[in-house]
């Protein structure tokens, strides 16, 4: 086990190992899930109804920058659809 850990430390980070790629993918996925949950929680706390279509659009987005914009907007919107104001479907598809 100690030898295995030594190999992991030697080849991580920046060497593009499978372990590193899996780690970074999981870390990114965790950030995405956290932002999605935050958006939905803010909307719920403010009593903003979220349709199935809006929920699906939020939960299927994999772009952290887009989710950050939506989170900021979630703090002030009165309709969940307003999260997407000024955006086209092509710019938010991930």
C-alpha atoms as a PDB file:
ATOM      1  CA  UNK A   1       0.000   0.000   0.000  1.00  0.00           C
ATOM      2  CA  UNK A   2       2.817   2.393   0.864  1.00  0.00           C
ATOM      3  CA  UNK A   3       4.428   1.703  -2.515  1.00  0.00           C
ATOM      4  CA  UNK A   4       1.128   2.408  -4.283  1.00  0.00           C
ATOM      5  CA  UNK A   5       0.769   5.759  -2.503  1.00  0.00           C
ATOM      6  CA  UNK A   6       4.346   6.654  -3.414  1.00  0.00           C
ATOM      7  CA  UNK A   7       3.510   6.118  -7.098  1.00  0.00           C
ATOM      8  CA  UNK A   8       0.400   8.269  -6.808  1.00  0.00           C
ATOM      9  CA  UNK A   9       2.322  11.127  -5.202  1.00  0.00           C
ATOM     10  CA  UNK A  10       5.113  10.811  -7.786  1.00  0.00           C
ATOM     11  CA  UNK A  11       2.708  11.032 -10.717  1.00  0.00           C
ATOM     12  CA  UNK A  12       0.278  13.587  -9.364  1.00  0.00           C
ATOM     13  CA  UNK A  13      -0.447  16.388 -10.227  1.00  0.00           C
ATOM     14  CA  UNK A  14       0.237  17.474 -13.754  1.00  0.00           C
ATOM     15  CA  UNK A  15       1.268  14.213 -15.359  1.00  0.00           C
ATOM     16  CA  UNK A  16      -2.095  13.369 -16.921  1.00  0.00           C
ATOM     17  CA  UNK A  17      -2.365  10.019 -15.209  1.00  0.00           C
ATOM     18  CA  UNK A  18      -5.659   8.168 -15.193  1.00  0.00           C
ATOM     19  CA  UNK A  19      -5.832   8.672 -11.433  1.00  0.00           C
ATOM     20  CA  UNK A  20      -5.351  12.422 -11.844  1.00  0.00           C
ATOM     21  CA  UNK A  21      -7.955  12.652 -14.590  1.00  0.00           C
ATOM     22  CA  UNK A  22     -10.482  10.724 -12.515  1.00  0.00           C
ATOM     23  CA  UNK A  23      -9.745  12.867  -9.465  1.00  0.00           C
ATOM     24  CA  UNK A  24     -10.137  16.129 -11.373  1.00  0.00           C
ATOM     25  CA  UNK A  25     -13.315  14.929 -13.080  1.00  0.00           C
ATOM     26  CA  UNK A  26     -14.845  13.962  -9.733  1.00  0.00           C
ATOM     27  CA  UNK A  27     -13.792  17.275  -8.213  1.00  0.00           C
ATOM     28  CA  UNK A  28     -15.378  19.202 -11.098  1.00  0.00           C
ATOM     29  CA  UNK A  29     -18.541  17.096 -10.907  1.00  0.00           C
ATOM     30  CA  UNK A  30     -18.749  17.855  -7.173  1.00  0.00           C
ATOM     31  CA  UNK A  31     -18.478  21.596  -7.826  1.00  0.00           C
ATOM     32  CA  UNK A  32     -21.219  21.389 -10.447  1.00  0.00           C
ATOM     33  CA  UNK A  33     -23.525  19.437  -8.136  1.00  0.00           C
ATOM     34  CA  UNK A  34     -22.886  21.923  -5.332  1.00  0.00           C
ATOM     35  CA  UNK A  35     -23.734  24.931  -7.519  1.00  0.00           C
ATOM     36  CA  UNK A  36     -26.871  23.249  -8.848  1.00  0.00           C
ATOM     37  CA  UNK A  37     -27.999  22.455  -5.313  1.00  0.00           C
ATOM     38  CA  UNK A  38     -27.264  26.028  -4.189  1.00  0.00           C
ATOM     39  CA  UNK A  39     -29.329  27.533  -6.994  1.00  0.00           C
ATOM     40  CA  UNK A  40     -32.293  25.287  -6.282  1.00  0.00           C
ATOM     41  CA  UNK A  41     -32.060  25.906  -2.513  1.00  0.00           C
ATOM     42  CA  UNK A  42     -31.983  29.687  -2.943  1.00  0.00           C
ATOM     43  CA  UNK A  43     -35.002  29.578  -5.232  1.00  0.00           C
ATOM     44  CA  UNK A  44     -36.866  27.344  -2.778  1.00  0.00           C
ATOM     45  CA  UNK A  45     -35.956  29.545   0.191  1.00  0.00           C
ATOM     46  CA  UNK A  46     -37.329  32.562  -1.628  1.00  0.00           C
ATOM     47  CA  UNK A  47     -40.508  30.724  -2.547  1.00  0.00           C
ATOM     48  CA  UNK A  48     -39.791  30.864  -6.278  1.00  0.00           C
ATOM     49  CA  UNK A  49     -41.592  28.015  -8.066  1.00  0.00           C
ATOM     50  CA  UNK A  50     -39.357  25.893 -10.308  1.00  0.00           C
ATOM     51  CA  UNK A  51     -40.982  24.099 -13.229  1.00  0.00           C
ATOM     52  CA  UNK A  52     -39.740  20.707 -14.364  1.00  0.00           C
ATOM     53  CA  UNK A  53     -38.249  22.314 -17.491  1.00  0.00           C
ATOM     54  CA  UNK A  54     -36.300  24.883 -15.478  1.00  0.00           C
ATOM     55  CA  UNK A  55     -35.161  22.246 -12.980  1.00  0.00           C
ATOM     56  CA  UNK A  56     -33.953  20.032 -15.825  1.00  0.00           C
ATOM     57  CA  UNK A  57     -32.087  22.904 -17.465  1.00  0.00           C
ATOM     58  CA  UNK A  58     -30.337  23.717 -14.184  1.00  0.00           C
ATOM     59  CA  UNK A  59     -29.516  20.132 -13.246  1.00  0.00           C
ATOM     60  CA  UNK A  60     -28.169  19.213 -16.683  1.00  0.00           C
ATOM     61  CA  UNK A  61     -25.882  22.231 -17.026  1.00  0.00           C
ATOM     62  CA  UNK A  62     -22.216  21.253 -16.724  1.00  0.00           C
ATOM     63  CA  UNK A  63     -20.670  24.703 -17.165  1.00  0.00           C
ATOM     64  CA  UNK A  64     -19.424  26.191 -13.893  1.00  0.00           C
ATOM     65  CA  UNK A  65     -19.375  29.753 -15.247  1.00  0.00           C
ATOM     66  CA  UNK A  66     -22.996  29.525 -16.379  1.00  0.00           C
ATOM     67  CA  UNK A  67     -24.014  28.048 -13.038  1.00  0.00           C
ATOM     68  CA  UNK A  68     -22.224  30.905 -11.235  1.00  0.00           C
ATOM     69  CA  UNK A  69     -24.228  33.456 -13.249  1.00  0.00           C
ATOM     70  CA  UNK A  70     -27.455  31.587 -12.524  1.00  0.00           C
ATOM     71  CA  UNK A  71     -26.604  31.442  -8.821  1.00  0.00           C
ATOM     72  CA  UNK A  72     -26.059  35.199  -8.697  1.00  0.00           C
ATOM     73  CA  UNK A  73     -29.357  35.736 -10.469  1.00  0.00           C
ATOM     74  CA  UNK A  74     -31.146  33.283  -8.170  1.00  0.00           C
ATOM     75  CA  UNK A  75     -30.600  35.732  -5.326  1.00  0.00           C
ATOM     76  CA  UNK A  76     -32.876  38.349  -6.891  1.00  0.00           C
ATOM     77  CA  UNK A  77     -35.281  36.724  -9.374  1.00  0.00           C
ATOM     78  CA  UNK A  78     -39.000  36.452  -8.784  1.00  0.00           C
ATOM     79  CA  UNK A  79     -39.485  33.861 -11.561  1.00  0.00           C
ATOM     80  CA  UNK A  80     -37.125  30.931 -12.081  1.00  0.00           C
ATOM     81  CA  UNK A  81     -37.183  31.524 -15.840  1.00  0.00           C
ATOM     82  CA  UNK A  82     -35.458  34.864 -15.206  1.00  0.00           C
ATOM     83  CA  UNK A  83     -32.256  32.937 -14.453  1.00  0.00           C
ATOM     84  CA  UNK A  84     -31.858  32.549 -18.204  1.00  0.00           C
ATOM     85  CA  UNK A  85     -32.587  36.152 -19.227  1.00  0.00           C
ATOM     86  CA  UNK A  86     -30.544  37.186 -22.257  1.00  0.00           C
ATOM     87  CA  UNK A  87     -29.288  33.672 -22.955  1.00  0.00           C
ATOM     88  CA  UNK A  88     -30.024  31.344 -25.813  1.00  0.00           C
ATOM     89  CA  UNK A  89     -30.276  27.586 -25.511  1.00  0.00           C
ATOM     90  CA  UNK A  90     -27.036  27.226 -27.498  1.00  0.00           C
ATOM     91  CA  UNK A  91     -25.022  29.292 -25.018  1.00  0.00           C
ATOM     92  CA  UNK A  92     -26.132  27.244 -22.029  1.00  0.00           C
ATOM     93  CA  UNK A  93     -26.041  23.761 -23.483  1.00  0.00           C
ATOM     94  CA  UNK A  94     -23.153  21.785 -22.069  1.00  0.00           C
END
